């Protein structure tokens, strides 16, 4: 019998940090909550990091997740933007580590690949697929929130359902998915 686990997914950002929490049980995933942390009222970057830390810690304390799945910073030509994004990720990770949660990082393309089958999918395509995966009309409209939720679902696929999610989305296709997961296909 598959173990139930609560997965907190985070899409870190210094303006908006998205989150999603799911209950994973075998091949099933249920939406618990999804939303976004808005930080536009803070001018100071350190106040924003504090806000991320505090709100993620609130989520951890309230929903008691078993792990954190977080989107890893992606390479950017703008070093300052990448540094700020890494700090936002670090603030969320520190909140999870305060409660000794295991942390799993996924590249943005790996998350998109897991959700849509296309590592270059748009945020809108990811949001649309989440509605089908979770069989829910309660998926938020805020795309940062759905990105956080997508990180949780990606982790669910990787460990909860037995579906193999690999990190190199350039080489992955639906044909590769079928080849790697023959037991997940209906006949």
Protein backbone atom coordinates (compact mmCIF):
# COMPACT_ATOMS: atom_id res chain seq x y z
CA UNK A 1 0.00 0.00 0.00
CA UNK A 2 1.36 3.40 -1.02
CA UNK A 3 2.28 5.83 1.73
CA UNK A 4 0.35 9.07 1.92
CA UNK A 5 2.43 12.20 2.00
CA UNK A 6 1.81 15.91 1.92
CA UNK A 7 4.02 17.75 -0.56
CA UNK A 8 4.65 21.49 -0.46
CA UNK A 9 5.70 22.91 -3.83
CA UNK A 10 7.33 26.34 -4.14
CA UNK A 11 8.06 28.56 -7.13
CA UNK A 12 10.36 31.16 -5.55
CA UNK A 13 10.38 34.76 -6.67
CA UNK A 14 11.23 38.13 -5.17
CA UNK A 15 8.03 39.78 -6.39
CA UNK A 16 5.69 36.78 -6.15
CA UNK A 17 6.37 33.35 -4.66
CA UNK A 18 3.90 30.68 -5.68
CA UNK A 19 3.02 27.65 -3.58
CA UNK A 20 0.90 24.54 -3.82
CA UNK A 21 0.23 21.79 -1.32
CA UNK A 22 -1.04 18.37 -2.35
CA UNK A 23 -1.84 15.07 -0.73
CA UNK A 24 -0.02 12.33 -2.63
CA UNK A 25 -1.19 8.73 -2.30
CA UNK A 26 0.11 6.25 -4.85
CA UNK A 27 -0.93 7.47 -8.27
CA UNK A 28 -3.49 9.92 -6.86
CA UNK A 29 -2.86 13.53 -5.97
CA UNK A 30 -5.37 15.86 -4.32
CA UNK A 31 -5.14 19.62 -4.12
CA UNK A 32 -5.06 20.90 -0.55
CA UNK A 33 -4.29 24.58 -1.20
CA UNK A 34 -2.48 26.76 -3.69
CA UNK A 35 -1.73 30.44 -3.72
CA UNK A 36 0.89 33.14 -3.93
CA UNK A 37 2.85 35.36 -1.61
CA UNK A 38 2.86 38.92 -2.96
CA UNK A 39 5.67 41.20 -1.88
CA UNK A 40 5.08 44.40 -3.85
CA UNK A 41 4.39 46.33 -0.63
CA UNK A 42 8.01 45.78 0.44
CA UNK A 43 10.65 48.03 -1.10
CA UNK A 44 13.55 46.41 0.71
CA UNK A 45 14.85 43.10 -0.71
CA UNK A 46 15.58 41.76 2.78
CA UNK A 47 12.02 42.49 3.90
CA UNK A 48 10.83 40.40 0.95
CA UNK A 49 13.09 37.52 1.96
CA UNK A 50 11.76 37.75 5.51
CA UNK A 51 8.20 37.67 4.14
CA UNK A 52 8.96 34.53 2.10
CA UNK A 53 10.54 32.83 5.11
CA UNK A 54 7.67 33.74 7.45
CA UNK A 55 4.88 32.73 5.06
CA UNK A 56 6.51 29.43 4.05
CA UNK A 57 7.11 28.64 7.72
CA UNK A 58 3.41 29.39 8.37
CA UNK A 59 2.46 26.93 5.60
CA UNK A 60 4.81 24.29 7.00
CA UNK A 61 3.42 24.71 10.51
CA UNK A 62 -0.21 24.71 9.38
CA UNK A 63 -0.19 21.87 6.82
CA UNK A 64 2.73 19.79 8.16
CA UNK A 65 4.11 18.68 4.79
CA UNK A 66 6.42 15.68 4.57
CA UNK A 67 8.76 17.39 2.09
CA UNK A 68 9.42 20.49 0.01
CA UNK A 69 9.65 20.39 -3.79
CA UNK A 70 11.13 23.64 -5.06
CA UNK A 71 11.92 25.06 -8.46
CA UNK A 72 15.67 25.53 -8.82
CA UNK A 73 16.96 28.86 -10.10
CA UNK A 74 17.56 28.80 -13.82
CA UNK A 75 20.58 30.21 -15.59
CA UNK A 76 20.14 33.82 -16.57
CA UNK A 77 22.38 36.32 -18.29
CA UNK A 78 21.37 38.83 -15.61
CA UNK A 79 23.51 37.77 -12.65
CA UNK A 80 21.74 40.13 -10.22
CA UNK A 81 18.33 38.64 -11.04
CA UNK A 82 19.68 35.13 -10.62
CA UNK A 83 21.25 36.05 -7.28
CA UNK A 84 17.98 37.53 -6.00
CA UNK A 85 16.05 34.46 -7.16
CA UNK A 86 18.56 32.21 -5.39
CA UNK A 87 18.08 34.20 -2.22
CA UNK A 88 14.29 33.81 -2.47
CA UNK A 89 14.77 30.07 -2.92
CA UNK A 90 17.10 30.04 0.08
CA UNK A 91 14.53 31.82 2.28
CA UNK A 92 11.90 29.20 1.42
CA UNK A 93 14.38 26.37 1.94
CA UNK A 94 15.45 27.78 5.32
CA UNK A 95 11.84 27.77 6.48
CA UNK A 96 11.50 24.10 5.47
CA UNK A 97 14.82 23.21 7.09
CA UNK A 98 13.63 24.79 10.35
CA UNK A 99 11.18 21.86 10.54
CA UNK A 100 13.74 19.37 9.13
CA UNK A 101 11.81 18.76 5.90
CA UNK A 102 13.63 16.99 3.09
CA UNK A 103 14.08 19.27 0.10
CA UNK A 104 13.93 18.26 -3.56
CA UNK A 105 14.96 20.70 -6.29
CA UNK A 106 13.69 20.48 -9.85
CA UNK A 107 14.79 22.48 -12.86
CA UNK A 108 11.98 24.53 -14.46
CA UNK A 109 12.18 22.48 -17.66
CA UNK A 110 11.95 19.22 -15.68
CA UNK A 111 8.80 20.44 -13.96
CA UNK A 112 7.21 21.48 -17.27
CA UNK A 113 8.25 18.15 -18.80
CA UNK A 114 6.64 16.22 -15.93
CA UNK A 115 3.37 18.16 -16.15
CA UNK A 116 2.92 18.68 -19.90
CA UNK A 117 5.42 16.39 -21.60
CA UNK A 118 7.15 19.47 -23.02
CA UNK A 119 10.03 21.13 -21.18
CA UNK A 120 9.37 24.35 -23.10
CA UNK A 121 5.66 24.57 -22.27
CA UNK A 122 4.17 27.93 -21.34
CA UNK A 123 2.93 28.75 -17.85
CA UNK A 124 -0.61 28.68 -19.26
CA UNK A 125 -0.12 25.16 -20.64
CA UNK A 126 1.17 23.99 -17.25
CA UNK A 127 -1.86 25.53 -15.50
CA UNK A 128 -4.24 23.88 -17.96
CA UNK A 129 -2.67 20.45 -17.49
CA UNK A 130 -2.85 20.77 -13.70
CA UNK A 131 -6.64 21.09 -14.01
CA UNK A 132 -6.69 17.72 -15.79
CA UNK A 133 -4.14 16.00 -13.56
CA UNK A 134 -5.87 17.05 -10.35
CA UNK A 135 -9.38 16.76 -11.82
CA UNK A 136 -10.17 20.07 -10.15
CA UNK A 137 -11.68 23.37 -11.20
CA UNK A 138 -10.13 25.00 -8.11
CA UNK A 139 -6.74 25.60 -9.73
CA UNK A 140 -5.82 29.25 -9.12
CA UNK A 141 -5.60 31.74 -11.98
CA UNK A 142 -2.34 33.17 -10.62
CA UNK A 143 0.43 31.55 -12.71
CA UNK A 144 3.05 31.76 -9.95
CA UNK A 145 0.68 29.73 -7.77
CA UNK A 146 0.25 27.08 -10.47
CA UNK A 147 4.03 26.94 -10.90
CA UNK A 148 4.39 26.17 -7.18
CA UNK A 149 1.67 23.54 -7.50
CA UNK A 150 3.48 22.10 -10.54
CA UNK A 151 6.64 21.60 -8.44
CA UNK A 152 4.60 19.54 -5.95
CA UNK A 153 3.00 17.47 -8.72
CA UNK A 154 6.41 16.91 -10.34
CA UNK A 155 7.67 15.46 -7.06
CA UNK A 156 4.50 13.38 -6.73
CA UNK A 157 5.19 11.89 -10.15
CA UNK A 158 8.81 11.25 -9.30
CA UNK A 159 8.33 9.46 -6.00
CA UNK A 160 4.64 9.00 -5.31
CA UNK A 161 3.36 7.42 -8.47
CA UNK A 162 6.43 5.66 -9.74
CA UNK A 163 6.46 7.64 -12.98
CA UNK A 164 10.01 8.33 -14.02
CA UNK A 165 10.80 12.04 -14.34
CA UNK A 166 14.22 12.80 -15.71
CA UNK A 167 16.15 16.05 -15.55
CA UNK A 168 17.11 16.54 -19.20
CA UNK A 169 13.96 17.74 -20.91
CA UNK A 170 15.72 18.36 -24.24
CA UNK A 171 16.04 14.62 -24.77
CA UNK A 172 12.61 13.71 -23.39
CA UNK A 173 9.50 13.26 -25.46
CA UNK A 174 6.21 11.43 -25.15
CA UNK A 175 7.91 8.47 -26.83
CA UNK A 176 10.57 8.46 -24.09
CA UNK A 177 7.86 8.74 -21.43
CA UNK A 178 6.03 5.73 -22.89
CA UNK A 179 9.27 3.75 -23.13
CA UNK A 180 10.26 4.57 -19.52
CA UNK A 181 6.80 4.04 -18.00
CA UNK A 182 5.06 1.13 -19.76
CA UNK A 183 3.22 0.16 -16.56
CA UNK A 184 1.53 3.58 -16.37
CA UNK A 185 -0.31 3.28 -19.69
CA UNK A 186 -3.86 2.05 -19.97
CA UNK A 187 -4.43 -0.66 -22.51
